[in-house]
Amino acid sequence: MTNYEFEILYLLAKNPGRIFSKEQIYTQVWKEPYYGAEDNVMGIIRRIRKKIEPDSAKPRYILNVWGMGYKFNGELMK
């Protein structure tokens, strides 16, 4: 796992159920202003899913929240 992959996964997993926008993820992980770099975030989320999800086409851990961003499935933590 690359450093960016780990940092995004760690951010989401330590805040289960909390929704992060692409902008929030980018600014917290890259520690610089977000300038429409959503492709970076989306590409890395896709790579993380390929590595941790049983079926990356049907994610169970990192979920999309349409129109808002991504969250770690807090239901799995119970």
PDB file of N, CA and C in Angstrom:
ATOM      1  N   MET A   1       0.857  -1.175   0.000  1.00  0.00           N
ATOM      2  CA  MET A   1       0.000   0.000   0.000  1.00  0.00           C
ATOM      3  C   MET A   1       0.903   1.237   0.000  1.00  0.00           C
ATOM      4  N   THR A   2       0.576   2.197  -0.848  1.00  0.00           N
ATOM      5  CA  THR A   2       1.361   3.422  -0.902  1.00  0.00           C
ATOM      6  C   THR A   2       1.038   4.301   0.307  1.00  0.00           C
ATOM      7  N   ASN A   3       1.857   5.318   0.516  1.00  0.00           N
ATOM      8  CA  ASN A   3       1.645   6.231   1.634  1.00  0.00           C
ATOM      9  C   ASN A   3       0.285   6.927   1.529  1.00  0.00           C
ATOM     10  N   TYR A   4      -0.058   7.432   0.336  1.00  0.00           N
ATOM     11  CA  TYR A   4      -1.355   8.106   0.167  1.00  0.00           C
ATOM     12  C   TYR A   4      -2.512   7.141   0.382  1.00  0.00           C
ATOM     13  N   GLU A   5      -2.393   5.922  -0.102  1.00  0.00           N
ATOM     14  CA  GLU A   5      -3.447   4.926   0.121  1.00  0.00           C
ATOM     15  C   GLU A   5      -3.637   4.691   1.618  1.00  0.00           C
ATOM     16  N   PHE A   6      -2.522   4.495   2.316  1.00  0.00           N
ATOM     17  CA  PHE A   6      -2.603   4.258   3.752  1.00  0.00           C
ATOM     18  C   PHE A   6      -3.209   5.451   4.483  1.00  0.00           C
ATOM     19  N   GLU A   7      -2.765   6.659   4.142  1.00  0.00           N
ATOM     20  CA  GLU A   7      -3.256   7.858   4.824  1.00  0.00           C
ATOM     21  C   GLU A   7      -4.766   8.043   4.630  1.00  0.00           C
ATOM     22  N   ILE A   8      -5.263   7.794   3.429  1.00  0.00           N
ATOM     23  CA  ILE A   8      -6.706   7.914   3.175  1.00  0.00           C
ATOM     24  C   ILE A   8      -7.464   6.833   3.931  1.00  0.00           C
ATOM     25  N   LEU A   9      -6.988   5.595   3.865  1.00  0.00           N
ATOM     26  CA  LEU A   9      -7.652   4.509   4.580  1.00  0.00           C
ATOM     27  C   LEU A   9      -7.653   4.781   6.081  1.00  0.00           C
ATOM     28  N   TYR A  10      -6.542   5.250   6.615  1.00  0.00           N
ATOM     29  CA  TYR A  10      -6.447   5.553   8.041  1.00  0.00           C
ATOM     30  C   TYR A  10      -7.415   6.673   8.431  1.00  0.00           C
ATOM     31  N   LEU A  11      -7.472   7.726   7.633  1.00  0.00           N
ATOM     32  CA  LEU A  11      -8.383   8.844   7.899  1.00  0.00           C
ATOM     33  C   LEU A  11      -9.821   8.358   7.975  1.00  0.00           C
ATOM     34  N   LEU A  12     -10.232   7.564   7.001  1.00  0.00           N
ATOM     35  CA  LEU A  12     -11.615   7.079   6.967  1.00  0.00           C
ATOM     36  C   LEU A  12     -11.886   6.088   8.093  1.00  0.00           C
ATOM     37  N   ALA A  13     -10.966   5.139   8.309  1.00  0.00           N
ATOM     38  CA  ALA A  13     -11.186   4.083   9.304  1.00  0.00           C
ATOM     39  C   ALA A  13     -11.183   4.616  10.735  1.00  0.00           C
ATOM     40  N   LYS A  14     -10.417   5.667  11.006  1.00  0.00           N
ATOM     41  CA  LYS A  14     -10.416   6.192  12.376  1.00  0.00           C
ATOM     42  C   LYS A  14     -11.635   7.073  12.656  1.00  0.00           C
ATOM     43  N   ASN A  15     -12.431   7.338  11.621  1.00  0.00           N
ATOM     44  CA  ASN A  15     -13.666   8.125  11.750  1.00  0.00           C
ATOM     45  C   ASN A  15     -14.847   7.379  11.126  1.00  0.00           C
ATOM     46  N   PRO A  16     -15.146   6.158  11.599  1.00  0.00           N
ATOM     47  CA  PRO A  16     -16.201   5.371  10.955  1.00  0.00           C
ATOM     48  C   PRO A  16     -17.545   6.095  10.965  1.00  0.00           C
ATOM     49  N   GLY A  17     -18.204   6.075   9.814  1.00  0.00           N
ATOM     50  CA  GLY A  17     -19.514   6.697   9.688  1.00  0.00           C
ATOM     51  C   GLY A  17     -19.468   8.167   9.307  1.00  0.00           C
ATOM     52  N   ARG A  18     -18.336   8.817   9.501  1.00  0.00           N
ATOM     53  CA  ARG A  18     -18.212  10.240   9.147  1.00  0.00           C
ATOM     54  C   ARG A  18     -17.946  10.366   7.645  1.00  0.00           C
ATOM     55  N   ILE A  19     -18.688  11.250   7.010  1.00  0.00           N
ATOM     56  CA  ILE A  19     -18.550  11.464   5.567  1.00  0.00           C
ATOM     57  C   ILE A  19     -17.503  12.533   5.318  1.00  0.00           C
ATOM     58  N   PHE A  20     -16.557  12.215   4.429  1.00  0.00           N
ATOM     59  CA  PHE A  20     -15.526  13.160   4.020  1.00  0.00           C
ATOM     60  C   PHE A  20     -15.704  13.470   2.541  1.00  0.00           C
ATOM     61  N   SER A  21     -15.724  14.744   2.200  1.00  0.00           N
ATOM     62  CA  SER A  21     -15.760  15.125   0.790  1.00  0.00           C
ATOM     63  C   SER A  21     -14.382  14.863   0.182  1.00  0.00           C
ATOM     64  N   LYS A  22     -14.320  14.865  -1.132  1.00  0.00           N
ATOM     65  CA  LYS A  22     -13.034  14.700  -1.809  1.00  0.00           C
ATOM     66  C   LYS A  22     -12.087  15.827  -1.412  1.00  0.00           C
ATOM     67  N   GLU A  23     -12.634  17.022  -1.277  1.00  0.00           N
ATOM     68  CA  GLU A  23     -11.826  18.174  -0.876  1.00  0.00           C
ATOM     69  C   GLU A  23     -11.249  17.987   0.531  1.00  0.00           C
ATOM     70  N   GLN A  24     -12.067  17.521   1.462  1.00  0.00           N
ATOM     71  CA  GLN A  24     -11.588  17.293   2.829  1.00  0.00           C
ATOM     72  C   GLN A  24     -10.497  16.224   2.857  1.00  0.00           C
ATOM     73  N   ILE A  25     -10.714  15.150   2.114  1.00  0.00           N
ATOM     74  CA  ILE A  25      -9.707  14.085   2.060  1.00  0.00           C
ATOM     75  C   ILE A  25      -8.401  14.642   1.500  1.00  0.00           C
ATOM     76  N   TYR A  26      -8.506  15.371   0.399  1.00  0.00           N
ATOM     77  CA  TYR A  26      -7.306  15.904  -0.251  1.00  0.00           C
ATOM     78  C   TYR A  26      -6.542  16.845   0.679  1.00  0.00           C
ATOM     79  N   THR A  27      -7.221  17.798   1.285  1.00  0.00           N
ATOM     80  CA  THR A  27      -6.522  18.780   2.117  1.00  0.00           C
ATOM     81  C   THR A  27      -5.919  18.138   3.370  1.00  0.00           C
ATOM     82  N   GLN A  28      -6.552  17.096   3.907  1.00  0.00           N
ATOM     83  CA  GLN A  28      -6.008  16.454   5.102  1.00  0.00           C
ATOM     84  C   GLN A  28      -4.844  15.520   4.785  1.00  0.00           C
ATOM     85  N   VAL A  29      -4.897  14.853   3.646  1.00  0.00           N
ATOM     86  CA  VAL A  29      -3.849  13.896   3.305  1.00  0.00           C
ATOM     87  C   VAL A  29      -2.661  14.577   2.622  1.00  0.00           C
ATOM     88  N   TRP A  30      -2.927  15.427   1.653  1.00  0.00           N
ATOM     89  CA  TRP A  30      -1.840  16.096   0.925  1.00  0.00           C
ATOM     90  C   TRP A  30      -1.322  17.326   1.670  1.00  0.00           C
ATOM     91  N   LYS A  31      -2.116  17.823   2.616  1.00  0.00           N
ATOM     92  CA  LYS A  31      -1.760  19.001   3.413  1.00  0.00           C
ATOM     93  C   LYS A  31      -1.445  20.222   2.536  1.00  0.00           C
ATOM     94  N   GLU A  32      -2.296  20.402   1.551  1.00  0.00           N
ATOM     95  CA  GLU A  32      -2.203  21.576   0.681  1.00  0.00           C
ATOM     96  C   GLU A  32      -3.598  21.889   0.164  1.00  0.00           C
ATOM     97  N   PRO A  33      -3.804  23.097  -0.332  1.00  0.00           N
ATOM     98  CA  PRO A  33      -5.134  23.470  -0.823  1.00  0.00           C
ATOM     99  C   PRO A  33      -5.601  22.578  -1.969  1.00  0.00           C
ATOM    100  N   TYR A  34      -6.883  22.371  -2.006  1.00  0.00           N
ATOM    101  CA  TYR A  34      -7.537  21.544  -3.016  1.00  0.00           C
ATOM    102  C   TYR A  34      -7.845  22.397  -4.235  1.00  0.00           C
ATOM    103  N   TYR A  35      -7.336  21.999  -5.371  1.00  0.00           N
ATOM    104  CA  TYR A  35      -7.601  22.722  -6.616  1.00  0.00           C
ATOM    105  C   TYR A  35      -8.238  21.791  -7.634  1.00  0.00           C
ATOM    106  N   GLY A  36      -9.377  21.219  -7.304  1.00  0.00           N
ATOM    107  CA  GLY A  36     -10.081  20.339  -8.224  1.00  0.00           C
ATOM    108  C   GLY A  36      -9.334  19.058  -8.507  1.00  0.00           C
ATOM    109  N   ALA A  37      -8.625  18.549  -7.526  1.00  0.00           N
ATOM    110  CA  ALA A  37      -7.824  17.336  -7.699  1.00  0.00           C
ATOM    111  C   ALA A  37      -8.616  16.087  -7.333  1.00  0.00           C
ATOM    112  N   GLU A  38      -9.903  16.078  -7.649  1.00  0.00           N
ATOM    113  CA  GLU A  38     -10.744  14.956  -7.249  1.00  0.00           C
ATOM    114  C   GLU A  38     -10.332  13.657  -7.920  1.00  0.00           C
ATOM    115  N   ASP A  39      -9.725  13.724  -9.108  1.00  0.00           N
ATOM    116  CA  ASP A  39      -9.270  12.496  -9.766  1.00  0.00           C
ATOM    117  C   ASP A  39      -8.221  11.780  -8.928  1.00  0.00           C
ATOM    118  N   ASN A  40      -7.360  12.537  -8.245  1.00  0.00           N
ATOM    119  CA  ASN A  40      -6.356  11.918  -7.367  1.00  0.00           C
ATOM    120  C   ASN A  40      -7.035  11.112  -6.274  1.00  0.00           C
ATOM    121  N   VAL A  41      -7.991  11.713  -5.618  1.00  0.00           N
ATOM    122  CA  VAL A  41      -8.686  11.047  -4.511  1.00  0.00           C
ATOM    123  C   VAL A  41      -9.465   9.840  -5.029  1.00  0.00           C
ATOM    124  N   MET A  42     -10.210  10.014  -6.089  1.00  0.00           N
ATOM    125  CA  MET A  42     -11.030   8.917  -6.619  1.00  0.00           C
ATOM    126  C   MET A  42     -10.156   7.748  -7.074  1.00  0.00           C
ATOM    127  N   GLY A  43      -9.033   8.045  -7.723  1.00  0.00           N
ATOM    128  CA  GLY A  43      -8.137   6.988  -8.182  1.00  0.00           C
ATOM    129  C   GLY A  43      -7.539   6.200  -7.033  1.00  0.00           C
ATOM    130  N   ILE A  44      -7.170   6.896  -5.982  1.00  0.00           N
ATOM    131  CA  ILE A  44      -6.589   6.209  -4.832  1.00  0.00           C
ATOM    132  C   ILE A  44      -7.645   5.397  -4.091  1.00  0.00           C
ATOM    133  N   ILE A  45      -8.844   5.924  -3.958  1.00  0.00           N
ATOM    134  CA  ILE A  45      -9.938   5.147  -3.340  1.00  0.00           C
ATOM    135  C   ILE A  45     -10.160   3.860  -4.139  1.00  0.00           C
ATOM    136  N   ARG A  46     -10.154   3.970  -5.454  1.00  0.00           N
ATOM    137  CA  ARG A  46     -10.337   2.790  -6.310  1.00  0.00           C
ATOM    138  C   ARG A  46      -9.238   1.755  -6.055  1.00  0.00           C
ATOM    139  N   ARG A  47      -7.983   2.212  -5.929  1.00  0.00           N
ATOM    140  CA  ARG A  47      -6.869   1.290  -5.669  1.00  0.00           C
ATOM    141  C   ARG A  47      -6.972   0.658  -4.280  1.00  0.00           C
ATOM    142  N   ILE A  48      -7.395   1.438  -3.281  1.00  0.00           N
ATOM    143  CA  ILE A  48      -7.575   0.885  -1.932  1.00  0.00           C
ATOM    144  C   ILE A  48      -8.629  -0.215  -1.970  1.00  0.00           C
ATOM    145  N   ARG A  49      -9.722   0.063  -2.641  1.00  0.00           N
ATOM    146  CA  ARG A  49     -10.808  -0.931  -2.706  1.00  0.00           C
ATOM    147  C   ARG A  49     -10.334  -2.226  -3.348  1.00  0.00           C
ATOM    148  N   LYS A  50      -9.532  -2.127  -4.385  1.00  0.00           N
ATOM    149  CA  LYS A  50      -9.011  -3.342  -5.031  1.00  0.00           C
ATOM    150  C   LYS A  50      -8.167  -4.162  -4.066  1.00  0.00           C
ATOM    151  N   LYS A  51      -7.546  -3.497  -3.117  1.00  0.00           N
ATOM    152  CA  LYS A  51      -6.669  -4.183  -2.177  1.00  0.00           C
ATOM    153  C   LYS A  51      -7.388  -4.729  -0.953  1.00  0.00           C
ATOM    154  N   ILE A  52      -8.468  -4.088  -0.511  1.00  0.00           N
ATOM    155  CA  ILE A  52      -9.077  -4.508   0.758  1.00  0.00           C
ATOM    156  C   ILE A  52     -10.481  -5.091   0.633  1.00  0.00           C
ATOM    157  N   GLU A  53     -11.166  -4.802  -0.454  1.00  0.00           N
ATOM    158  CA  GLU A  53     -12.555  -5.255  -0.581  1.00  0.00           C
ATOM    159  C   GLU A  53     -12.601  -6.669  -1.170  1.00  0.00           C
ATOM    160  N   PRO A  54     -13.493  -7.529  -0.656  1.00  0.00           N
ATOM    161  CA  PRO A  54     -13.676  -8.836  -1.284  1.00  0.00           C
ATOM    162  C   PRO A  54     -14.125  -8.702  -2.746  1.00  0.00           C
ATOM    163  N   ASP A  55     -14.982  -7.713  -3.017  1.00  0.00           N
ATOM    164  CA  ASP A  55     -15.447  -7.419  -4.376  1.00  0.00           C
ATOM    165  C   ASP A  55     -15.448  -5.900  -4.512  1.00  0.00           C
ATOM    166  N   SER A  56     -14.440  -5.364  -5.196  1.00  0.00           N
ATOM    167  CA  SER A  56     -14.307  -3.902  -5.269  1.00  0.00           C
ATOM    168  C   SER A  56     -15.459  -3.241  -6.021  1.00  0.00           C
ATOM    169  N   ALA A  57     -16.218  -4.015  -6.805  1.00  0.00           N
ATOM    170  CA  ALA A  57     -17.387  -3.465  -7.493  1.00  0.00           C
ATOM    171  C   ALA A  57     -18.568  -3.287  -6.538  1.00  0.00           C
ATOM    172  N   LYS A  58     -18.540  -3.993  -5.403  1.00  0.00           N
ATOM    173  CA  LYS A  58     -19.589  -3.894  -4.385  1.00  0.00           C
ATOM    174  C   LYS A  58     -18.915  -3.640  -3.037  1.00  0.00           C
ATOM    175  N   PRO A  59     -18.417  -2.419  -2.821  1.00  0.00           N
ATOM    176  CA  PRO A  59     -17.648  -2.145  -1.607  1.00  0.00           C
ATOM    177  C   PRO A  59     -18.445  -2.310  -0.321  1.00  0.00           C
ATOM    178  N   ARG A  60     -17.758  -2.858   0.694  1.00  0.00           N
ATOM    179  CA  ARG A  60     -18.348  -3.021   2.017  1.00  0.00           C
ATOM    180  C   ARG A  60     -17.679  -2.120   3.047  1.00  0.00           C
ATOM    181  N   TYR A  61     -16.451  -1.733   2.801  1.00  0.00           N
ATOM    182  CA  TYR A  61     -15.685  -0.977   3.787  1.00  0.00           C
ATOM    183  C   TYR A  61     -15.704   0.525   3.509  1.00  0.00           C
ATOM    184  N   ILE A  62     -15.281   0.920   2.323  1.00  0.00           N
ATOM    185  CA  ILE A  62     -15.284   2.336   1.955  1.00  0.00           C
ATOM    186  C   ILE A  62     -16.483   2.576   1.055  1.00  0.00           C
ATOM    187  N   LEU A  63     -17.434   3.355   1.557  1.00  0.00           N
ATOM    188  CA  LEU A  63     -18.693   3.572   0.858  1.00  0.00           C
ATOM    189  C   LEU A  63     -18.772   4.969   0.258  1.00  0.00           C
ATOM    190  N   ASN A  64     -19.398   5.054  -0.910  1.00  0.00           N
ATOM    191  CA  ASN A  64     -19.720   6.348  -1.512  1.00  0.00           C
ATOM    192  C   ASN A  64     -21.010   6.852  -0.885  1.00  0.00           C
ATOM    193  N   VAL A  65     -21.054   8.123  -0.601  1.00  0.00           N
ATOM    194  CA  VAL A  65     -22.291   8.777  -0.196  1.00  0.00           C
ATOM    195  C   VAL A  65     -22.574   9.778  -1.306  1.00  0.00           C
ATOM    196  N   TRP A  66     -23.536   9.444  -2.148  1.00  0.00           N
ATOM    197  CA  TRP A  66     -23.770  10.178  -3.375  1.00  0.00           C
ATOM    198  C   TRP A  66     -23.886  11.672  -3.127  1.00  0.00           C
ATOM    199  N   GLY A  67     -23.114  12.427  -3.897  1.00  0.00           N
ATOM    200  CA  GLY A  67     -23.144  13.873  -3.816  1.00  0.00           C
ATOM    201  C   GLY A  67     -22.414  14.467  -2.623  1.00  0.00           C
ATOM    202  N   MET A  68     -21.853  13.608  -1.756  1.00  0.00           N
ATOM    203  CA  MET A  68     -21.203  14.115  -0.545  1.00  0.00           C
ATOM    204  C   MET A  68     -19.744  13.677  -0.430  1.00  0.00           C
ATOM    205  N   GLY A  69     -19.459  12.416  -0.670  1.00  0.00           N
ATOM    206  CA  GLY A  69     -18.082  11.946  -0.533  1.00  0.00           C
ATOM    207  C   GLY A  69     -18.003  10.482  -0.169  1.00  0.00           C
ATOM    208  N   TYR A  70     -17.086  10.180   0.746  1.00  0.00           N
ATOM    209  CA  TYR A  70     -16.806   8.799   1.133  1.00  0.00           C
ATOM    210  C   TYR A  70     -16.850   8.664   2.644  1.00  0.00           C
ATOM    211  N   LYS A  71     -17.149   7.435   3.092  1.00  0.00           N
ATOM    212  CA  LYS A  71     -17.101   7.139   4.520  1.00  0.00           C
ATOM    213  C   LYS A  71     -16.686   5.693   4.711  1.00  0.00           C
ATOM    214  N   PHE A  72     -16.126   5.415   5.874  1.00  0.00           N
ATOM    215  CA  PHE A  72     -15.829   4.038   6.260  1.00  0.00           C
ATOM    216  C   PHE A  72     -17.089   3.486   6.900  1.00  0.00           C
ATOM    217  N   ASN A  73     -17.465   2.290   6.525  1.00  0.00           N
ATOM    218  CA  ASN A  73     -18.706   1.680   6.997  1.00  0.00           C
ATOM    219  C   ASN A  73     -18.649   1.454   8.519  1.00  0.00           C
ATOM    220  N   GLY A  74     -19.285   2.313   9.256  1.00  0.00           N
ATOM    221  CA  GLY A  74     -19.313   2.223  10.706  1.00  0.00           C
ATOM    222  C   GLY A  74     -20.061   1.016  11.216  1.00  0.00           C
ATOM    223  N   GLU A  75     -20.960   0.471  10.425  1.00  0.00           N
ATOM    224  CA  GLU A  75     -21.718  -0.714  10.834  1.00  0.00           C
ATOM    225  C   GLU A  75     -20.804  -1.923  11.021  1.00  0.00           C
ATOM    226  N   LEU A  76     -19.697  -1.965  10.325  1.00  0.00           N
ATOM    227  CA  LEU A  76     -18.767  -3.074  10.460  1.00  0.00           C
ATOM    228  C   LEU A  76     -18.000  -3.038  11.766  1.00  0.00           C
ATOM    229  N   MET A  77     -18.007  -1.882  12.417  1.00  0.00           N
ATOM    230  CA  MET A  77     -17.267  -1.697  13.659  1.00  0.00           C
ATOM    231  C   MET A  77     -18.055  -2.196  14.876  1.00  0.00           C
ATOM    232  N   LYS A  78     -19.328  -2.527  14.688  1.00  0.00           N
ATOM    233  CA  LYS A  78     -20.171  -2.936  15.820  1.00  0.00           C
ATOM    234  C   LYS A  78     -20.063  -4.406  16.079  1.00  0.00           C
TER     235      LYS A  78
END
